[in-house]
Amino acid sequence: MGIEFDMPKAGERMGSHHLLLVGELRYTGRAPAKLLVYFDFFLMHVYEIHVPPSERGAEEGGRCTFRMGISTLGLPENARLDVRVDEAPSATLATIDMRRTRKTQRTHSKLQPCLLTGLGRSGTTKLMQLISAHPQIRANREYPLETRMAQYFMQRYYVSVSPAVHQPDYNIDNFFNRNWESMCGPCPYYHNPYSEGAFTESWYESNIVPVAEKELVESIEGYYQALGPEFKFRKSKRAHYFLEKYHPNFMPFLFGEFYPQGKEVFLVRDFRDMFASMLGFNEKRNSQDFGRKDSSSELDFLMRLRKSITQLSTSWTLRKRDALLVKYEELCRNESEVLSGIFDYLELPEISVFPATADEDLLAHQTSESSEASIGKWKQVLPKELAEACNREYAEALELFGYEVSRDFM
């Protein structure tokens, strides 16, 4: 199997925020169904391969052309894209090295984002409640503190200014799930094929993109400024940040580019305890959340979680220079000291009054008698087979974040 590109050419300069890939794929055996474009561990684009009806089902192989536009928004100054096929997603057919001038925010915003990035059952709900008590931070404090309006507006902006964006069909309740069977887009103006350098493309970038950027900032700011006065602890002080939970997908990269003054707090928990807490939460609520419903067994569920854990590890590695790492265990053992460090990172004065945490929803959210009792609980509740698998499959990520891997299970 091989791939050749007609576009882009080596050394070619592009004057837009997208990259057009045009070329031919040669394959043996049956035709692959999709081309996948990755940035590091993040799936950026899915292109469905169209094979002529006369060649479908052919075993001897063949060739097919492709043409796809990919947004470069959110990518670092020096980025590498890998092109793969669905049958062998770990095998890279081609690598594209690119250098881009990162765009900066054109519309001034009074509010900057504070991203709380982490995985489920890692303490994000507790930390959201604590941080959002600060009078200079805006957040929707309704349980389970997972209203993601800023991310909704960012996804809407991303779709409107990107070429044929085949990203997941995000919705306001659960749009961070990466269900590639459900696509949104493409933006009608960018519907392939289109003529490179055409008047429409140039006009759109010069006239519509700035309007979309302004609307993005005003929508986010309007929502969070309107939200503030309705909640406690929102008196007189001018807000500096809006706060939301983020999954370690590509969304934080977009906010990092558009809001260069924004902040990001990574919250991590021993992944063995996280997995055990997911099982306990599902049992307590008789549910199959966190992706369990798509898994054939608890062991399969454990293996599938490795993807999200790798995304978290990769995100931290790429963005740690400007971010703050908080460990769940330290938050449980020394809450005031951790919060002091967070507010220092945010350049905000400390506060001494926090909301009560013993409300009905948050109590139902817990799977242990206390936060302290949840630390190391995996050793008591996980069957040996699952404990062994956690130590084996999560070893690299555990060591990255400073957790000891139990060699007894290795």
Protein backbone atom coordinates (compact mmCIF):
# COMPACT_ATOMS: atom_id res chain seq x y z
CA MET A 1 0.00 0.00 0.00
CA GLY A 2 1.31 3.43 -0.88
CA ILE A 3 0.27 7.04 -1.23
CA GLU A 4 1.33 9.94 -3.48
CA PHE A 5 0.46 13.61 -3.03
CA ASP A 6 -0.20 16.12 -5.77
CA MET A 7 -0.89 18.75 -3.12
CA PRO A 8 0.68 20.15 -1.08
CA LYS A 9 4.11 20.40 -2.66
CA ALA A 10 7.23 20.28 -0.52
CA GLY A 11 8.11 23.78 0.62
CA GLU A 12 4.80 25.25 -0.59
CA ARG A 13 3.45 28.26 1.31
CA MET A 14 -0.27 28.37 2.08
CA GLY A 15 -2.08 31.61 2.80
CA SER A 16 -5.02 30.20 4.74
CA HIS A 17 -5.87 28.36 7.93
CA HIS A 18 -6.42 25.05 6.16
CA LEU A 19 -4.41 22.44 4.32
CA LEU A 20 -5.63 20.81 1.11
CA LEU A 21 -4.49 17.20 0.56
CA VAL A 22 -4.87 15.84 -2.97
CA GLY A 23 -3.37 12.62 -4.23
CA GLU A 24 -3.72 8.94 -5.02
CA LEU A 25 -3.85 5.86 -2.80
CA ARG A 26 -2.59 2.52 -4.12
CA TYR A 27 -3.67 -0.64 -2.32
CA THR A 28 -3.56 -4.42 -2.58
CA GLY A 29 -6.52 -6.64 -1.80
CA ARG A 30 -9.79 -4.98 -0.91
CA ALA A 31 -9.93 -1.20 -0.83
CA PRO A 32 -9.68 0.38 2.62
CA ALA A 33 -12.78 2.22 3.77
CA LYS A 34 -11.21 5.39 5.18
CA LEU A 35 -8.11 7.53 5.32
CA LEU A 36 -7.32 8.89 8.78
CA VAL A 37 -5.29 12.01 9.51
CA TYR A 38 -3.74 12.27 12.98
CA PHE A 39 -1.91 14.94 14.91
CA ASP A 40 0.05 12.93 17.45
CA PHE A 41 -2.63 10.83 19.18
CA PHE A 42 -5.53 13.03 18.06
CA LEU A 43 -7.71 12.08 15.11
CA MET A 44 -8.12 15.22 13.02
CA HIS A 45 -9.96 14.08 9.91
CA VAL A 46 -11.71 11.04 8.45
CA TYR A 47 -11.99 10.70 4.68
CA GLU A 48 -14.27 8.02 3.28
CA ILE A 49 -12.69 6.35 0.28
CA HIS A 50 -14.96 6.05 -2.75
CA VAL A 51 -14.20 3.11 -5.01
CA PRO A 52 -15.88 2.78 -8.44
CA PRO A 53 -18.71 0.21 -8.34
CA SER A 54 -16.89 -1.98 -10.85
CA GLU A 55 -13.91 -2.33 -8.48
CA ARG A 56 -15.78 -2.93 -5.22
CA GLY A 57 -15.02 -6.33 -3.77
CA ALA A 58 -11.99 -6.80 -6.00
CA GLU A 59 -9.26 -8.83 -4.37
CA GLU A 60 -6.37 -7.85 -6.65
CA GLY A 61 -6.15 -4.25 -5.42
CA GLY A 62 -6.33 -0.96 -7.22
CA ARG A 63 -5.98 2.79 -6.82
CA CYS A 64 -8.23 5.68 -5.93
CA THR A 65 -7.88 9.44 -5.71
CA PHE A 66 -8.60 11.57 -2.66
CA ARG A 67 -9.14 15.24 -1.98
CA MET A 68 -9.68 16.60 1.52
CA GLY A 69 -9.32 19.89 3.31
CA ILE A 70 -8.04 19.90 6.89
CA SER A 71 -8.18 22.78 9.34
CA THR A 72 -4.86 23.74 10.91
CA LEU A 73 -6.49 25.71 13.74
CA GLY A 74 -5.13 24.66 17.10
CA LEU A 75 -2.01 23.00 15.75
CA PRO A 76 1.34 24.13 17.20
CA GLU A 77 3.86 26.21 15.27
CA ASN A 78 5.68 23.07 14.21
CA ALA A 79 3.28 20.21 13.62
CA ARG A 80 3.44 16.73 12.14
CA LEU A 81 0.41 15.05 10.59
CA ASP A 82 0.28 11.30 9.99
CA VAL A 83 -1.90 9.78 7.26
CA ARG A 84 -3.12 6.23 7.97
CA VAL A 85 -5.79 3.80 6.79
CA ASP A 86 -8.56 2.34 8.88
CA GLU A 87 -7.43 -1.27 8.45
CA ALA A 88 -4.06 -0.48 10.05
CA PRO A 89 -4.48 2.73 12.09
CA SER A 90 -1.10 2.18 13.76
CA ALA A 91 0.72 2.10 10.40
CA THR A 92 1.57 5.49 8.90
CA LEU A 93 1.44 5.79 5.11
CA ALA A 94 2.76 9.35 4.96
CA THR A 95 3.99 12.10 7.25
CA ILE A 96 3.45 15.80 6.62
CA ASP A 97 5.71 18.22 8.48
CA MET A 98 4.43 21.76 8.52
CA ARG A 99 5.27 25.12 10.05
CA ARG A 100 2.51 27.62 10.62
CA THR A 101 2.11 31.09 12.00
CA ARG A 102 -0.30 30.74 14.87
CA LYS A 103 -3.26 33.07 14.71
CA THR A 104 -4.01 35.35 17.63
CA GLN A 105 -7.31 36.51 18.99
CA ARG A 106 -8.59 39.47 17.00
CA THR A 107 -11.50 40.31 19.30
CA HIS A 108 -10.69 41.44 22.82
CA SER A 109 -12.36 39.45 25.58
CA LYS A 110 -12.85 40.52 29.18
CA LEU A 111 -12.95 36.87 30.21
CA GLN A 112 -10.21 34.28 29.69
CA PRO A 113 -10.77 30.51 29.87
CA CYS A 114 -9.71 28.37 32.77
CA LEU A 115 -9.70 24.82 31.46
CA LEU A 116 -10.09 21.99 33.96
CA THR A 117 -8.83 19.03 31.95
CA GLY A 118 -9.28 15.50 33.23
CA LEU A 119 -11.07 12.19 32.91
CA GLY A 120 -14.25 10.95 34.55
CA ARG A 121 -14.13 9.87 38.21
CA SER A 122 -10.95 11.90 38.80
CA GLY A 123 -12.41 14.54 41.11
CA THR A 124 -13.29 17.12 38.45
CA THR A 125 -16.76 17.75 39.91
CA LYS A 126 -15.35 18.45 43.37
CA LEU A 127 -12.59 20.70 42.05
CA MET A 128 -15.01 22.55 39.77
CA GLN A 129 -17.18 23.36 42.78
CA LEU A 130 -14.23 24.58 44.81
CA ILE A 131 -12.59 26.73 42.12
CA SER A 132 -15.86 28.21 40.91
CA ALA A 133 -16.54 29.59 44.39
CA HIS A 134 -14.00 32.33 43.66
CA PRO A 135 -15.78 35.63 42.96
CA GLN A 136 -13.59 36.32 39.92
CA ILE A 137 -14.40 33.04 38.18
CA ARG A 138 -17.62 32.41 36.27
CA ALA A 139 -19.04 28.89 36.02
CA ASN A 140 -22.40 27.18 35.81
CA ARG A 141 -22.55 25.52 39.23
CA GLU A 142 -25.57 23.33 38.57
CA TYR A 143 -24.86 19.66 39.21
CA PRO A 144 -22.99 17.87 37.70
CA LEU A 145 -21.12 21.08 36.74
CA GLU A 146 -20.72 19.89 33.16
CA THR A 147 -22.40 22.65 31.16
CA ARG A 148 -19.96 23.27 28.31
CA MET A 149 -21.34 26.33 26.55
CA ALA A 150 -17.93 27.78 25.65
CA GLN A 151 -16.98 24.50 23.97
CA TYR A 152 -20.29 24.47 22.11
CA PHE A 153 -19.58 27.95 20.74
CA MET A 154 -15.99 26.97 19.87
CA GLN A 155 -17.17 23.88 17.98
CA ARG A 156 -19.69 25.98 16.06
CA TYR A 157 -16.93 28.43 15.13
CA TYR A 158 -14.55 25.60 14.16
CA VAL A 159 -17.10 24.03 11.83
CA SER A 160 -18.01 27.33 10.19
CA VAL A 161 -14.44 28.29 9.25
CA SER A 162 -12.96 24.88 8.46
CA PRO A 163 -12.90 22.99 5.17
CA ALA A 164 -15.27 20.02 5.05
CA VAL A 165 -14.92 19.34 8.77
CA HIS A 166 -15.87 15.71 9.39
CA GLN A 167 -15.69 15.89 13.12
CA PRO A 168 -17.99 14.12 15.61
CA ASP A 169 -21.57 15.23 15.74
CA TYR A 170 -21.20 17.14 19.00
CA ASN A 171 -24.32 18.13 20.85
CA ILE A 172 -24.73 20.41 23.80
CA ASP A 173 -25.08 17.55 26.29
CA ASN A 174 -22.36 15.14 25.23
CA PHE A 175 -20.47 16.60 22.29
CA PHE A 176 -17.00 15.54 23.47
CA ASN A 177 -17.66 11.87 22.56
CA ARG A 178 -15.71 10.83 19.48
CA ASN A 179 -18.32 8.87 17.57
CA TRP A 180 -16.94 8.82 14.05
CA GLU A 181 -20.06 7.23 12.62
CA SER A 182 -21.80 10.56 13.16
CA MET A 183 -20.35 13.54 11.29
CA CYS A 184 -21.03 17.23 11.23
CA GLY A 185 -20.26 19.51 8.32
CA PRO A 186 -18.99 20.05 5.81
CA CYS A 187 -19.27 23.80 5.70
CA PRO A 188 -21.24 24.36 2.46
CA TYR A 189 -18.80 26.93 1.11
CA TYR A 190 -15.95 24.46 1.39
CA HIS A 191 -17.81 21.50 -0.09
CA ASN A 192 -15.31 19.45 -2.12
CA PRO A 193 -14.30 19.80 -4.82
CA TYR A 194 -13.63 23.50 -4.79
CA SER A 195 -11.19 25.66 -6.70
CA GLU A 196 -8.05 26.58 -4.78
CA GLY A 197 -7.46 30.30 -4.65
CA ALA A 198 -10.96 31.06 -5.87
CA PHE A 199 -12.54 34.41 -5.16
CA THR A 200 -15.13 32.84 -2.86
CA GLU A 201 -12.48 31.31 -0.63
CA SER A 202 -10.51 34.54 -0.35
CA TRP A 203 -13.64 36.60 0.29
CA TYR A 204 -14.88 34.15 2.96
CA GLU A 205 -11.62 34.25 4.89
CA SER A 206 -11.43 38.04 4.72
CA ASN A 207 -15.05 38.78 5.61
CA ILE A 208 -16.80 35.86 7.30
CA VAL A 209 -14.01 34.42 9.45
CA PRO A 210 -13.46 37.68 11.42
CA VAL A 211 -17.22 37.92 12.00
CA ALA A 212 -17.29 34.33 13.26
CA GLU A 213 -14.40 35.05 15.62
CA LYS A 214 -16.14 38.11 17.03
CA GLU A 215 -19.36 36.16 17.48
CA LEU A 216 -17.47 33.38 19.29
CA VAL A 217 -15.97 35.73 21.86
CA GLU A 218 -19.18 37.69 22.38
CA SER A 219 -21.28 34.54 22.77
CA ILE A 220 -18.99 33.04 25.42
CA GLU A 221 -18.62 36.30 27.27
CA GLY A 222 -22.33 37.07 27.08
CA TYR A 223 -23.29 33.70 28.55
CA TYR A 224 -20.87 33.80 31.45
CA GLN A 225 -21.39 37.45 32.31
CA ALA A 226 -25.14 36.83 32.43
CA LEU A 227 -24.63 33.72 34.55
CA GLY A 228 -22.57 35.37 37.27
CA PRO A 229 -24.98 37.55 39.27
CA GLU A 230 -27.51 34.75 39.72
CA PHE A 231 -25.18 32.72 41.92
CA LYS A 232 -23.69 33.12 45.37
CA PHE A 233 -20.19 34.55 45.80
CA ARG A 234 -20.68 36.80 42.76
CA LYS A 235 -20.68 40.25 44.37
CA SER A 236 -18.82 43.29 43.09
CA LYS A 237 -15.59 41.60 41.98
CA ARG A 238 -14.84 41.73 38.27
CA ALA A 239 -14.56 38.26 36.73
CA HIS A 240 -11.31 37.20 35.09
CA TYR A 241 -12.09 33.63 33.97
CA PHE A 242 -14.84 31.34 32.80
CA LEU A 243 -14.43 27.76 34.01
CA GLU A 244 -15.47 24.49 32.34
CA LYS A 245 -14.54 20.82 32.43
CA TYR A 246 -12.62 19.60 29.39
CA HIS A 247 -11.84 16.15 28.12
CA PRO A 248 -8.31 15.64 26.77
CA ASN A 249 -9.39 15.75 23.13
CA PHE A 250 -8.48 18.42 20.55
CA MET A 251 -10.81 21.07 21.95
CA PRO A 252 -8.28 22.49 24.48
CA PHE A 253 -5.81 23.09 21.63
CA LEU A 254 -8.34 25.40 19.99
CA PHE A 255 -8.84 27.40 23.17
CA GLY A 256 -5.08 27.58 23.65
CA GLU A 257 -4.68 29.21 20.26
CA PHE A 258 -7.65 31.53 20.43
CA TYR A 259 -7.06 32.61 24.05
CA PRO A 260 -3.28 32.84 24.53
CA GLN A 261 -3.78 34.31 28.02
CA GLY A 262 -5.96 31.40 29.15
CA LYS A 263 -5.02 28.91 31.89
CA GLU A 264 -5.28 25.13 32.11
CA VAL A 265 -5.40 22.93 35.19
CA PHE A 266 -4.82 19.20 34.64
CA LEU A 267 -6.40 16.98 37.28
CA VAL A 268 -5.15 13.39 37.41
CA ARG A 269 -5.96 10.46 39.63
CA ASP A 270 -4.30 7.08 39.99
CA PHE A 271 -5.84 5.43 36.94
CA ARG A 272 -6.41 2.19 38.83
CA ASP A 273 -8.56 4.03 41.37
CA MET A 274 -10.26 5.91 38.54
CA PHE A 275 -11.20 2.65 36.83
CA ALA A 276 -12.41 1.12 40.10
CA SER A 277 -14.49 4.24 40.77
CA MET A 278 -16.09 4.02 37.33
CA LEU A 279 -17.15 0.45 38.07
CA GLY A 280 -18.47 1.47 41.49
CA PHE A 281 -20.35 4.47 40.10
CA ASN A 282 -22.03 2.34 37.42
CA GLU A 283 -22.99 -0.29 39.98
CA LYS A 284 -24.36 2.33 42.37
CA ARG A 285 -26.50 3.94 39.68
CA ASN A 286 -27.23 0.78 37.69
CA SER A 287 -25.76 2.45 34.61
CA GLN A 288 -23.12 1.82 31.95
CA ASP A 289 -21.41 5.19 31.75
CA PHE A 290 -17.85 6.20 30.76
CA GLY A 291 -17.98 3.95 27.69
CA ARG A 292 -18.85 0.75 29.54
CA LYS A 293 -21.93 0.15 27.35
CA ASP A 294 -19.66 -0.14 24.28
CA SER A 295 -17.46 -2.78 25.93
CA SER A 296 -18.02 -6.51 25.93
CA SER A 297 -16.60 -7.03 29.43
CA GLU A 298 -14.95 -5.18 32.29
CA LEU A 299 -11.55 -6.19 30.91
CA ASP A 300 -12.49 -4.84 27.49
CA PHE A 301 -13.69 -1.65 29.18
CA LEU A 302 -10.33 -1.34 30.95
CA MET A 303 -8.50 -1.73 27.64
CA ARG A 304 -10.66 0.86 25.90
CA LEU A 305 -9.93 3.41 28.63
CA ARG A 306 -6.28 3.26 27.66
CA LYS A 307 -7.03 5.52 24.68
CA SER A 308 -8.41 8.29 26.89
CA ILE A 309 -5.53 7.89 29.34
CA THR A 310 -3.04 8.17 26.47
CA GLN A 311 -4.78 11.31 25.24
CA LEU A 312 -4.50 12.80 28.73
CA SER A 313 -0.81 11.88 28.92
CA THR A 314 -0.15 13.31 25.46
CA SER A 315 -2.05 16.51 26.24
CA TRP A 316 -0.05 17.06 29.41
CA THR A 317 3.25 16.38 27.64
CA LEU A 318 2.43 18.88 24.87
CA ARG A 319 0.99 21.65 27.05
CA LYS A 320 2.63 21.27 30.46
CA ARG A 321 4.88 24.32 30.00
CA ASP A 322 1.93 26.65 30.53
CA ALA A 323 -0.34 24.42 32.61
CA LEU A 324 -0.69 23.33 36.23
CA LEU A 325 -0.84 19.70 37.35
CA VAL A 326 -3.04 18.78 40.32
CA LYS A 327 -3.26 15.30 41.76
CA TYR A 328 -6.54 14.02 43.15
CA GLU A 329 -4.76 12.44 46.11
CA GLU A 330 -3.14 15.75 47.11
CA LEU A 331 -6.50 17.53 46.76
CA CYS A 332 -8.08 15.02 49.14
CA ARG A 333 -5.30 15.20 51.71
CA ASN A 334 -4.53 18.92 51.66
CA GLU A 335 -7.36 20.80 50.01
CA SER A 336 -6.44 24.30 51.19
CA GLU A 337 -2.83 24.04 50.05
CA VAL A 338 -3.84 22.76 46.61
CA LEU A 339 -6.40 25.54 46.17
CA SER A 340 -3.82 28.10 47.25
CA GLY A 341 -1.52 26.84 44.50
CA ILE A 342 -4.30 26.98 41.93
CA PHE A 343 -5.28 30.56 42.75
CA ASP A 344 -1.60 31.55 42.72
CA TYR A 345 -1.29 30.04 39.24
CA LEU A 346 -4.39 31.97 38.16
CA GLU A 347 -2.95 35.15 39.71
CA LEU A 348 -6.05 35.58 41.85
CA PRO A 349 -6.28 36.38 45.56
CA GLU A 350 -7.10 33.48 47.83
CA ILE A 351 -10.54 33.16 49.39
CA SER A 352 -11.49 31.57 52.67
CA VAL A 353 -15.20 30.86 52.14
CA PHE A 354 -16.23 27.81 50.16
CA PRO A 355 -19.64 26.28 49.45
CA ALA A 356 -20.85 23.34 51.47
CA THR A 357 -20.21 20.04 49.68
CA ALA A 358 -22.70 17.80 51.47
CA ASP A 359 -25.66 18.31 49.15
CA GLU A 360 -27.74 15.41 47.88
CA ASP A 361 -26.37 15.36 44.33
CA LEU A 362 -22.72 15.37 45.36
CA LEU A 363 -23.29 12.70 47.99
CA ALA A 364 -24.87 10.52 45.31
CA HIS A 365 -21.83 11.24 43.16
CA GLN A 366 -19.46 9.59 45.65
CA THR A 367 -18.53 5.90 45.66
CA SER A 368 -16.56 5.95 48.94
CA GLU A 369 -17.34 7.03 52.49
CA SER A 370 -14.79 9.82 52.23
CA SER A 371 -12.26 11.23 49.80
CA GLU A 372 -9.41 9.80 51.86
CA ALA A 373 -10.99 6.33 51.79
CA SER A 374 -11.07 6.43 47.98
CA ILE A 375 -7.26 6.60 47.71
CA GLY A 376 -5.77 3.20 46.89
CA LYS A 377 -9.19 1.58 47.00
CA TRP A 378 -8.43 -0.38 43.82
CA LYS A 379 -6.28 -2.74 45.90
CA GLN A 380 -9.34 -3.85 47.88
CA VAL A 381 -12.10 -3.83 45.26
CA LEU A 382 -10.57 -4.92 41.95
CA PRO A 383 -10.34 -8.64 41.19
CA LYS A 384 -6.78 -9.84 40.65
CA GLU A 385 -7.24 -10.14 36.89
CA LEU A 386 -8.33 -6.50 36.57
CA ALA A 387 -5.67 -5.26 39.00
CA GLU A 388 -3.00 -7.03 36.94
CA ALA A 389 -4.38 -5.57 33.72
CA CYS A 390 -4.46 -2.03 35.15
CA ASN A 391 -0.82 -2.22 36.18
CA ARG A 392 0.15 -3.65 32.81
CA GLU A 393 -1.90 -1.44 30.50
CA TYR A 394 -1.61 1.84 32.42
CA ALA A 395 2.02 1.47 33.53
CA GLU A 396 3.50 4.14 31.24
CA ALA A 397 0.89 6.75 32.15
CA LEU A 398 1.10 5.92 35.86
CA GLU A 399 4.85 6.46 35.83
CA LEU A 400 4.51 9.69 33.81
CA PHE A 401 2.38 11.23 36.55
CA GLY A 402 4.48 9.87 39.40
CA TYR A 403 2.40 6.90 40.52
CA GLU A 404 4.12 3.72 41.59
CA VAL A 405 3.40 0.67 39.48
CA SER A 406 2.82 -2.44 41.56
CA ARG A 407 5.44 -4.88 40.31
CA ASP A 408 3.68 -7.70 42.15
CA PHE A 409 1.16 -7.73 39.32
CA MET A 410 3.64 -7.32 36.45
